[in-house]
Amino acid sequence: MRDALWPGSLGDHDRETRAFFDAEMAPFVVFVAEIDVRLVGFLELGFRNYAEGCESSPVPFIEGWYVDAAFRGRGIGRALVKAAEAHVRDAGHHEIASDAELTNVDSIAAHRALGFEEIERIVCFRRSLRET
């Protein structure tokens, strides 16, 4: 499912996952949704020192959120977010953050439907300084 959410980057995810568990990083929680013992969705919740528009630190941050296309529209994504919100609320946090690619209109709509407030839009740049 991570490859479905972030296509073509399984190797990167494997390295990131290993690095995460090798380091002593902030708490990380994964929520999963199952139907008839089939995994149909997940939400990865991390904690960042900063997130745009947030007042607190660390900020609970939805790092990844995915529901299998065949199971969308059934409230599974909403249930995953609500579980994450309850978890961080119980831990004393008063806000949660997330992001979406500018072109991911479905994710943007899902966030809005759950009451997330859009804070800003950015375009990120990179320039290699290696000689070609």
Protein backbone atom coordinates (compact mmCIF):
# COMPACT_ATOMS: atom_id res chain seq x y z
CA MET A 1 0.00 0.00 0.00
CA ARG A 2 2.93 2.36 0.56
CA ASP A 3 3.94 1.82 -3.05
CA ALA A 4 0.38 2.60 -4.13
CA LEU A 5 0.53 5.85 -2.17
CA TRP A 6 4.09 6.73 -3.21
CA PRO A 7 4.59 4.86 -6.54
CA GLY A 8 8.02 3.65 -7.53
CA SER A 9 9.78 4.34 -4.26
CA LEU A 10 9.68 1.05 -2.36
CA GLY A 11 13.47 1.06 -2.00
CA ASP A 12 13.38 4.55 -0.50
CA HIS A 13 10.62 3.51 1.91
CA ASP A 14 12.57 0.44 2.97
CA ARG A 15 15.65 2.60 3.72
CA GLU A 16 13.52 5.21 5.51
CA THR A 17 11.79 2.55 7.59
CA ARG A 18 15.07 0.93 8.58
CA ALA A 19 16.63 4.30 9.42
CA PHE A 20 13.60 5.21 11.49
CA PHE A 21 13.78 2.08 13.61
CA ASP A 22 17.58 2.25 13.87
CA ALA A 23 17.42 5.80 15.24
CA GLU A 24 15.73 6.85 18.42
CA MET A 25 13.21 9.19 16.87
CA ALA A 26 10.01 10.67 18.14
CA PRO A 27 7.09 8.28 18.52
CA PHE A 28 5.59 6.95 15.33
CA VAL A 29 2.20 5.24 15.17
CA VAL A 30 0.59 3.29 12.34
CA PHE A 31 -3.17 2.80 12.22
CA VAL A 32 -4.53 0.12 9.90
CA ALA A 33 -7.98 -0.70 8.55
CA GLU A 34 -8.97 -4.28 7.83
CA ILE A 35 -12.04 -5.82 6.25
CA ASP A 36 -12.40 -9.59 6.44
CA VAL A 37 -8.70 -9.91 7.45
CA ARG A 38 -7.67 -7.91 4.37
CA LEU A 39 -5.62 -4.77 4.91
CA VAL A 40 -7.50 -1.97 3.11
CA GLY A 41 -5.98 1.20 4.51
CA PHE A 42 -3.37 2.77 6.73
CA LEU A 43 -2.39 6.04 8.34
CA GLU A 44 1.17 6.78 9.45
CA LEU A 45 1.37 9.33 12.23
CA GLY A 46 4.64 11.02 13.10
CA PHE A 47 5.66 14.03 15.12
CA ARG A 48 7.46 17.00 13.60
CA ASN A 49 9.18 19.89 15.32
CA TYR A 50 7.31 22.28 13.04
CA ALA A 51 4.34 22.26 10.69
CA GLU A 52 3.03 25.27 8.77
CA GLY A 53 0.24 27.09 10.58
CA CYS A 54 0.64 25.14 13.84
CA GLU A 55 1.23 26.66 17.26
CA SER A 56 2.60 23.66 19.13
CA SER A 57 5.73 21.55 18.98
CA PRO A 58 6.05 18.70 18.48
CA VAL A 59 3.17 18.58 16.03
CA PRO A 60 1.37 15.30 15.33
CA PHE A 61 1.66 14.93 11.56
CA ILE A 62 -0.09 12.57 9.16
CA GLU A 63 2.89 11.35 7.17
CA GLY A 64 0.91 8.95 5.00
CA TRP A 65 -2.78 8.15 4.59
CA TYR A 66 -4.14 5.64 2.12
CA VAL A 67 -7.27 3.60 1.47
CA ASP A 68 -7.39 0.98 -1.30
CA ALA A 69 -9.37 2.41 -4.23
CA ALA A 70 -11.89 -0.45 -4.08
CA PHE A 71 -12.79 0.51 -0.51
CA ARG A 72 -12.95 4.31 -0.76
CA GLY A 73 -16.18 6.14 -0.03
CA ARG A 74 -17.03 3.89 2.93
CA GLY A 75 -15.69 6.09 5.73
CA ILE A 76 -12.46 4.11 6.19
CA GLY A 77 -10.21 7.12 5.63
CA ARG A 78 -12.31 9.18 8.02
CA ALA A 79 -12.12 6.43 10.66
CA LEU A 80 -8.32 6.28 10.34
CA VAL A 81 -8.02 10.04 10.81
CA LYS A 82 -10.45 10.02 13.74
CA ALA A 83 -8.41 7.25 15.41
CA ALA A 84 -5.23 9.29 14.97
CA GLU A 85 -6.93 12.41 16.32
CA ALA A 86 -8.21 10.54 19.37
CA HIS A 87 -4.74 9.12 19.99
CA VAL A 88 -3.02 12.51 19.94
CA ARG A 89 -5.83 14.23 21.84
CA ASP A 90 -5.45 11.63 24.61
CA ALA A 91 -1.73 12.42 24.65
CA GLY A 92 -2.50 16.12 25.28
CA HIS A 93 -2.09 17.56 21.77
CA HIS A 94 -4.57 20.15 20.52
CA GLU A 95 -3.80 20.14 16.79
CA ILE A 96 -2.78 17.77 14.01
CA ALA A 97 -1.24 18.55 10.63
CA SER A 98 -0.91 16.95 7.23
CA ASP A 99 -0.03 17.81 3.67
CA ALA A 100 -0.84 16.81 0.11
CA GLU A 101 0.76 17.26 -3.27
CA LEU A 102 -0.66 20.25 -5.15
CA THR A 103 -1.93 17.95 -7.90
CA ASN A 104 -3.58 15.42 -5.55
CA VAL A 105 -7.08 16.84 -5.73
CA ASP A 106 -8.61 13.74 -4.11
CA SER A 107 -6.40 14.07 -1.03
CA ILE A 108 -7.05 17.80 -0.80
CA ALA A 109 -10.80 17.17 -0.99
CA ALA A 110 -10.59 14.42 1.64
CA HIS A 111 -8.67 16.69 4.02
CA ARG A 112 -11.21 19.49 3.54
CA ALA A 113 -14.12 17.09 4.08
CA LEU A 114 -12.61 16.19 7.46
CA GLY A 115 -12.30 19.83 8.50
CA PHE A 116 -8.62 20.43 7.77
CA GLU A 117 -7.83 24.06 7.02
CA GLU A 118 -5.56 24.78 4.06
CA ILE A 119 -2.65 26.87 5.33
CA GLU A 120 -0.54 27.54 2.25
CA ARG A 121 0.60 26.21 -1.13
CA ILE A 122 4.24 25.96 -2.06
CA VAL A 123 6.42 24.90 -4.94
CA CYS A 124 9.74 23.40 -3.85
CA PHE A 125 12.90 23.79 -5.90
CA ARG A 126 16.22 22.01 -6.13
CA ARG A 127 19.32 22.64 -8.20
CA SER A 128 22.21 20.21 -8.38
CA LEU A 129 25.63 21.76 -7.82
CA ARG A 130 27.49 18.75 -9.23
CA GLU A 131 29.35 19.33 -12.44
CA THR A 132 27.90 17.46 -15.39
